[in-house]
Protein backbone atom coordinates (compact mmCIF):
# COMPACT_ATOMS: atom_id res chain seq x y z
CA MET A 1 84.44 104.57 95.73
CA LYS A 2 86.90 101.67 95.39
CA ALA A 3 88.68 103.42 92.50
CA ARG A 4 88.93 106.57 94.60
CA LEU A 5 90.43 104.60 97.49
CA ALA A 6 92.90 102.87 95.18
CA PHE A 7 94.13 106.27 94.02
CA LEU A 8 94.54 107.51 97.58
CA LEU A 9 96.37 104.37 98.67
CA GLN A 10 98.70 103.93 95.72
CA GLY A 11 102.29 103.50 96.82
CA LEU A 12 101.53 103.91 100.52
CA ARG A 13 101.72 100.28 101.68
CA GLN A 14 104.46 99.91 104.24
CA PRO A 15 106.46 97.02 105.77
CA ARG A 16 105.26 95.20 108.86
CA PRO A 17 106.86 96.31 112.14
CA THR A 18 109.17 94.37 114.41
CA LEU A 19 107.47 93.98 117.78
CA SER A 20 110.22 94.68 120.30
CA ALA A 21 109.79 94.35 124.06
CA SER A 22 110.02 98.12 124.53
CA LEU A 23 107.43 98.84 121.83
CA TRP A 24 105.07 96.28 123.35
CA GLN A 25 105.38 97.78 126.82
CA GLN A 26 104.78 101.23 125.34
CA THR A 27 101.63 99.94 123.63
CA LEU A 28 100.25 98.39 126.81
CA ALA A 29 100.99 101.49 128.87
CA HIS A 30 99.34 103.80 126.33
CA SER A 31 95.84 102.37 126.68
CA PRO A 32 93.75 101.76 129.84
CA VAL A 33 91.92 98.90 128.13
CA PHE A 34 94.98 96.68 128.75
CA ARG A 35 95.54 97.78 132.35
CA HIS A 36 93.97 94.81 134.13
CA LEU A 37 95.22 91.99 131.91
CA SER A 38 97.23 89.35 133.71
CA ALA A 39 100.86 88.69 132.76
CA GLN A 40 99.80 85.53 130.93
CA GLU A 41 97.05 87.39 129.03
CA ARG A 42 99.48 90.13 128.02
CA GLU A 43 101.91 87.55 126.68
CA ARG A 44 99.19 85.76 124.70
CA LEU A 45 97.94 89.11 123.38
CA LYS A 46 101.47 89.90 122.23
CA THR A 47 101.72 86.62 120.32
CA LEU A 48 98.30 87.16 118.76
CA SER A 49 99.20 90.74 117.80
CA GLN A 50 102.40 89.54 116.13
CA ASP A 51 100.40 87.02 114.11
CA PHE A 52 97.88 89.73 113.22
CA LEU A 53 100.67 92.03 112.00
CA ARG A 54 102.10 89.24 109.85
CA GLU A 55 98.73 88.34 108.33
CA LYS A 56 97.13 91.76 107.79
CA GLU A 57 98.26 94.49 105.42
CA PHE A 58 98.33 98.02 106.82
CA THR A 59 97.96 100.98 104.51
CA GLY A 60 98.17 104.70 105.20
CA ALA A 61 95.63 106.83 103.32
CA ALA A 62 95.47 110.51 102.36
CA GLY A 63 99.20 110.96 102.92
CA LEU A 64 99.39 109.32 106.34
CA GLU A 65 102.70 107.55 106.97
CA LEU A 66 102.17 104.77 109.47
CA SER A 67 104.81 104.20 112.14
CA ASP A 68 105.46 100.94 113.98
CA PRO A 69 103.84 102.22 117.20
CA MET A 70 100.69 103.15 115.28
CA ARG A 71 100.35 99.72 113.69
CA VAL A 72 101.08 97.88 116.92
CA HIS A 73 98.54 100.04 118.79
CA ILE A 74 95.85 99.10 116.27
CA ALA A 75 96.84 95.42 116.21
CA ALA A 76 96.76 95.08 120.00
CA GLN A 77 93.36 96.77 120.32
CA ALA A 78 92.00 94.67 117.45
CA CYS A 79 93.25 91.45 119.04
CA LEU A 80 91.87 92.07 122.53
CA PRO A 81 88.32 90.95 121.55
CA ILE A 82 89.70 87.75 119.98
CA LEU A 83 92.14 86.94 122.77
CA GLU A 84 90.20 83.74 123.53
CA LEU A 85 88.66 83.30 120.06
CA GLY A 86 91.82 83.18 117.96
CA LEU A 87 92.93 84.91 114.78
CA ALA A 88 90.64 82.71 112.65
CA ALA A 89 87.81 85.00 113.79
CA TYR A 90 89.32 87.62 111.45
CA ARG A 91 89.73 85.33 108.46
CA ASP A 92 88.93 86.00 104.78
CA TRP A 93 90.18 89.61 104.66
CA VAL A 94 93.58 91.29 104.98
CA GLY A 95 93.38 95.09 104.77
CA VAL A 96 93.58 97.74 107.50
CA ILE A 97 93.40 101.27 106.07
CA VAL A 98 94.22 104.22 108.30
CA TYR A 99 93.33 107.85 107.58
CA PRO A 100 94.81 110.78 109.52
CA ALA A 101 91.36 111.85 110.77
CA GLU A 102 87.70 111.40 109.87
CA PHE A 103 87.18 110.49 106.23
CA ILE A 104 84.44 110.86 103.61
CA ILE A 105 82.53 107.84 102.31
CA PRO A 106 80.27 108.22 99.25
CA ARG A 107 76.94 106.47 99.86
CA GLN A 108 73.72 105.77 97.98
CA ILE A 109 70.19 105.31 99.25
CA MET A 110 67.01 104.47 97.36
CA ASP A 111 63.79 106.16 98.46
CA GLU A 112 60.30 104.64 98.38
CA SER A 113 59.83 105.84 94.81
CA GLY A 114 62.92 103.98 93.61
CA VAL A 115 64.99 107.16 93.17
CA VAL A 116 68.65 106.73 94.14
CA HIS A 117 70.13 109.58 96.17
CA GLU A 118 73.88 110.01 96.50
CA TYR A 119 75.48 111.70 99.49
CA GLU A 120 78.72 111.83 101.44
CA ASP A 121 79.06 110.54 104.97
CA THR A 122 81.80 111.51 107.42
CA ALA A 123 83.10 108.52 109.37
CA SER A 124 85.69 107.69 112.00
CA GLY A 125 85.62 103.99 111.14
CA GLU A 126 84.15 101.54 108.67
CA ALA A 127 84.25 97.76 108.25
CA TRP A 128 83.57 96.31 104.81
CA GLU A 129 82.16 92.83 104.45
CA GLY A 130 84.93 90.77 102.87
CA GLY A 131 87.07 93.91 102.66
CA PRO A 132 89.20 96.12 104.87
CA VAL A 133 88.70 97.80 108.18
CA ILE A 134 89.07 101.58 107.75
CA LEU A 135 90.05 103.73 110.73
CA SER A 136 90.69 107.35 111.63
CA TRP A 137 93.99 107.51 113.48
CA GLN A 138 92.90 110.66 115.30
CA ASP A 139 89.75 108.95 116.56
CA SER A 140 91.66 105.85 117.57
CA GLN A 141 93.51 108.10 120.03
CA MET A 142 90.29 109.41 121.58
CA GLU A 143 89.69 106.23 123.56
CA ASP A 144 87.78 106.49 126.83
CA GLU A 145 85.45 104.27 128.87
CA GLY A 146 82.58 104.57 126.41
CA TYR A 147 84.40 105.01 123.11
CA ASN A 148 86.86 102.84 121.22
CA VAL A 149 86.63 103.03 117.43
CA ILE A 150 89.06 100.14 116.92
CA ILE A 151 87.13 97.67 119.06
CA HIS A 152 83.89 98.95 117.51
CA GLU A 153 84.94 98.26 113.92
CA PHE A 154 86.52 94.91 114.69
CA ALA A 155 83.34 93.86 116.51
CA HIS A 156 81.59 94.49 113.19
CA LYS A 157 84.10 92.11 111.59
CA LEU A 158 83.12 89.44 114.12
CA ASP A 159 79.46 90.13 113.33
CA MET A 160 80.17 89.69 109.60
CA LEU A 161 81.85 86.32 110.02
CA ASN A 162 78.61 84.36 109.68
CA GLY A 163 77.03 86.52 106.97
CA GLU A 164 74.36 89.10 107.75
CA VAL A 165 75.45 92.06 109.87
CA ASP A 166 72.73 91.81 112.49
CA GLY A 167 74.35 91.88 115.92
CA ILE A 168 74.65 88.09 115.96
CA PRO A 169 78.26 86.93 115.48
CA ALA A 170 79.25 83.35 114.75
CA LEU A 171 78.31 81.68 118.03
CA HIS A 172 80.61 78.99 119.40
CA SER A 173 79.62 75.99 121.50
CA GLY A 174 77.91 76.85 124.76
CA LEU A 175 75.91 79.69 123.21
CA GLN A 176 72.39 79.21 121.93
CA LEU A 177 71.03 81.29 119.06
CA ASP A 178 67.60 81.71 120.66
CA GLU A 179 69.12 82.98 123.89
CA TRP A 180 71.33 85.43 121.99
CA LYS A 181 68.45 86.77 119.90
CA THR A 182 66.15 87.17 122.91
CA THR A 183 68.73 88.91 125.10
CA LEU A 184 70.00 91.11 122.29
CA GLN A 185 66.50 92.20 121.29
CA ALA A 186 65.38 92.94 124.85
CA SER A 187 68.51 94.96 125.63
CA TYR A 188 68.44 96.78 122.30
CA GLU A 189 64.76 97.74 122.59
CA ASP A 190 65.24 99.03 126.12
CA PHE A 191 68.29 101.01 125.01
CA CYS A 192 66.37 102.56 122.11
CA LYS A 193 63.63 103.67 124.50
CA ARG A 194 66.18 105.26 126.80
CA VAL A 195 67.87 107.08 123.93
CA ASP A 196 64.52 108.30 122.57
CA ARG A 197 63.53 109.69 125.96
CA ASN A 198 66.89 111.40 126.43
CA ASP A 199 66.53 112.99 123.00
CA ASP A 200 63.06 114.40 123.75
CA PRO A 201 63.51 118.19 124.16
CA ALA A 202 60.22 118.41 126.07
CA LEU A 203 61.62 116.42 128.98
CA ASP A 204 63.62 117.95 131.81
CA PRO A 205 66.35 115.58 133.09
CA ALA A 206 66.14 117.22 136.51
CA LEU A 207 62.44 116.33 136.84
CA ASP A 208 62.15 112.99 135.03
CA PRO A 209 63.72 110.04 136.87
CA ILE A 210 63.43 107.78 133.82
CA LEU A 211 66.06 109.79 131.96
CA ASP A 212 69.60 108.44 132.05
CA PRO A 213 72.18 111.15 132.63
CA ILE A 214 74.90 108.45 132.83
CA LEU A 215 73.81 106.65 129.65
CA ASP A 216 76.20 108.36 127.23
CA PRO A 217 79.41 107.46 129.14
CA ILE A 218 78.35 103.79 129.20
CA LEU A 219 76.90 103.25 125.73
CA ASP A 220 77.13 105.56 122.75
CA PRO A 221 73.57 106.48 121.63
CA TYR A 222 74.66 105.50 118.11
CA GLY A 223 74.02 101.95 119.25
CA ALA A 224 70.30 102.65 118.84
CA GLU A 225 70.70 102.82 115.04
CA HIS A 226 70.58 99.04 114.53
CA PRO A 227 71.18 95.82 116.51
CA SER A 228 74.55 95.48 114.75
CA GLU A 229 75.57 98.89 116.06
CA PHE A 230 74.30 97.97 119.53
CA PHE A 231 76.55 94.89 119.49
CA ALA A 232 79.55 96.99 118.40
CA VAL A 233 78.87 99.77 120.93
CA SER A 234 78.29 97.19 123.66
CA SER A 235 81.64 95.59 122.80
CA GLU A 236 83.35 98.96 123.29
CA ALA A 237 81.79 99.22 126.76
CA PHE A 238 82.41 95.55 127.56
CA PHE A 239 86.16 96.13 127.38
CA GLY A 240 86.26 99.81 128.32
CA ASN A 241 83.55 100.16 130.98
CA PRO A 242 82.47 96.68 132.12
CA GLU A 243 81.15 98.03 135.43
CA GLY A 244 78.75 100.35 133.63
CA LEU A 245 77.58 97.80 131.06
CA GLY A 246 77.19 95.10 133.70
CA ALA A 247 75.06 97.39 135.85
CA LEU A 248 72.92 98.58 132.92
CA TYR A 249 72.36 95.22 131.19
CA PRO A 250 73.61 92.36 133.38
CA ARG A 251 72.17 89.54 131.23
CA TRP A 252 73.63 91.07 128.07
CA TYR A 253 77.01 91.56 129.76
CA GLU A 254 76.99 87.93 130.91
CA LEU A 255 76.22 86.75 127.38
CA LEU A 256 79.00 88.88 125.90
CA SER A 257 81.34 87.46 128.53
CA ARG A 258 80.48 83.95 127.42
CA TYR A 259 80.90 84.90 123.77
CA TYR A 260 84.28 86.64 124.16
CA ARG A 261 85.31 84.07 126.80
CA GLN A 262 86.55 86.97 128.89
CA ASN A 263 85.31 88.78 131.99
CA PRO A 264 86.79 92.30 132.14
CA LEU A 265 84.73 93.16 135.22
CA GLU A 266 86.21 90.22 137.14
CA ARG A 267 89.68 91.25 135.94
CA ARG A 268 89.21 94.71 137.42
CA LEU A 269 87.95 93.34 140.72
CA THR A 270 90.79 90.86 141.14
CA SER A 271 93.80 92.60 139.59
CA PRO A 272 96.25 94.37 141.94
C-alpha cells in the first residue's frame, strides 16, 4: 500500500500557503464550527494554524491540486481540538494527504483458521500511527452538526499519542485514568445498546420509546465499532453539536471538556 501511495503522490507536494487576513476570515466564515469562538480564541487559532502549516507537509493525491484555501481550511479544523493543548499534541508525524473524494485502502484480516484475507475498503479519512492523516476533500466539505471528518481523524491522532488506539488519549494533569476509563466504557456500552436497538428491523420506532430517532444527528453510529471510534465520533459532536452530546452523555461531555480544556456549549450560550 505504501508503494502505491508513493506512486500516486509523486511530484504533487506543494508549497505552504501564506495566511492572509482575508483568507483567514474566509476560512472562519466557511465553517459553523468556528462561529462561537471569541476574538481572542480566533486569533490564537490563527497563530496555531500558521504553525501547523509550517510544520506539516500537505500533499494532493490522485491528481488533486491543493489550493491555499483548502490547506488553511484543513489546518484550522485540525487545530481547533488542540487550541488549548498546543501543537505538541500532533508531534512525531508530518504528512497530510488529501484525495479528491473517498479513496480505496487495501486491508488484510486473518480469520480464526489463520488464513489471511485481502480486501479493499472505501474510506473518507484515515489516520496512520506515526504516519500521515489522509482525508477526502469532498467529505471534508460535508460538515454538519454530527459529522466532521477532519476533527474525527485528528482525534485519532490525539488517541495515538500515548500508544494504543483505545479511546484514551494522553491525559494531562487534572484527569484521572480510572475516571476516563469508567466514563468512556459506560458511555460507549450505552451507545452500543442504542445503536443495536435502532438497527433491529423487528422494532417499530413509532411504538418503542427506547429507540432514539435523534441519535444519528448527535453521534454517528460508526462510533459503536470500537471505543477509539466512539472517542473520535464524540469529538466531532463535542465541537459540532455540544448541546446534543451534553444532553445525551453529560458526564462524558464534561470529561471531554476537561480534556480539550474547552467548553463549546458554554461558548454557544454566552456568545452574541
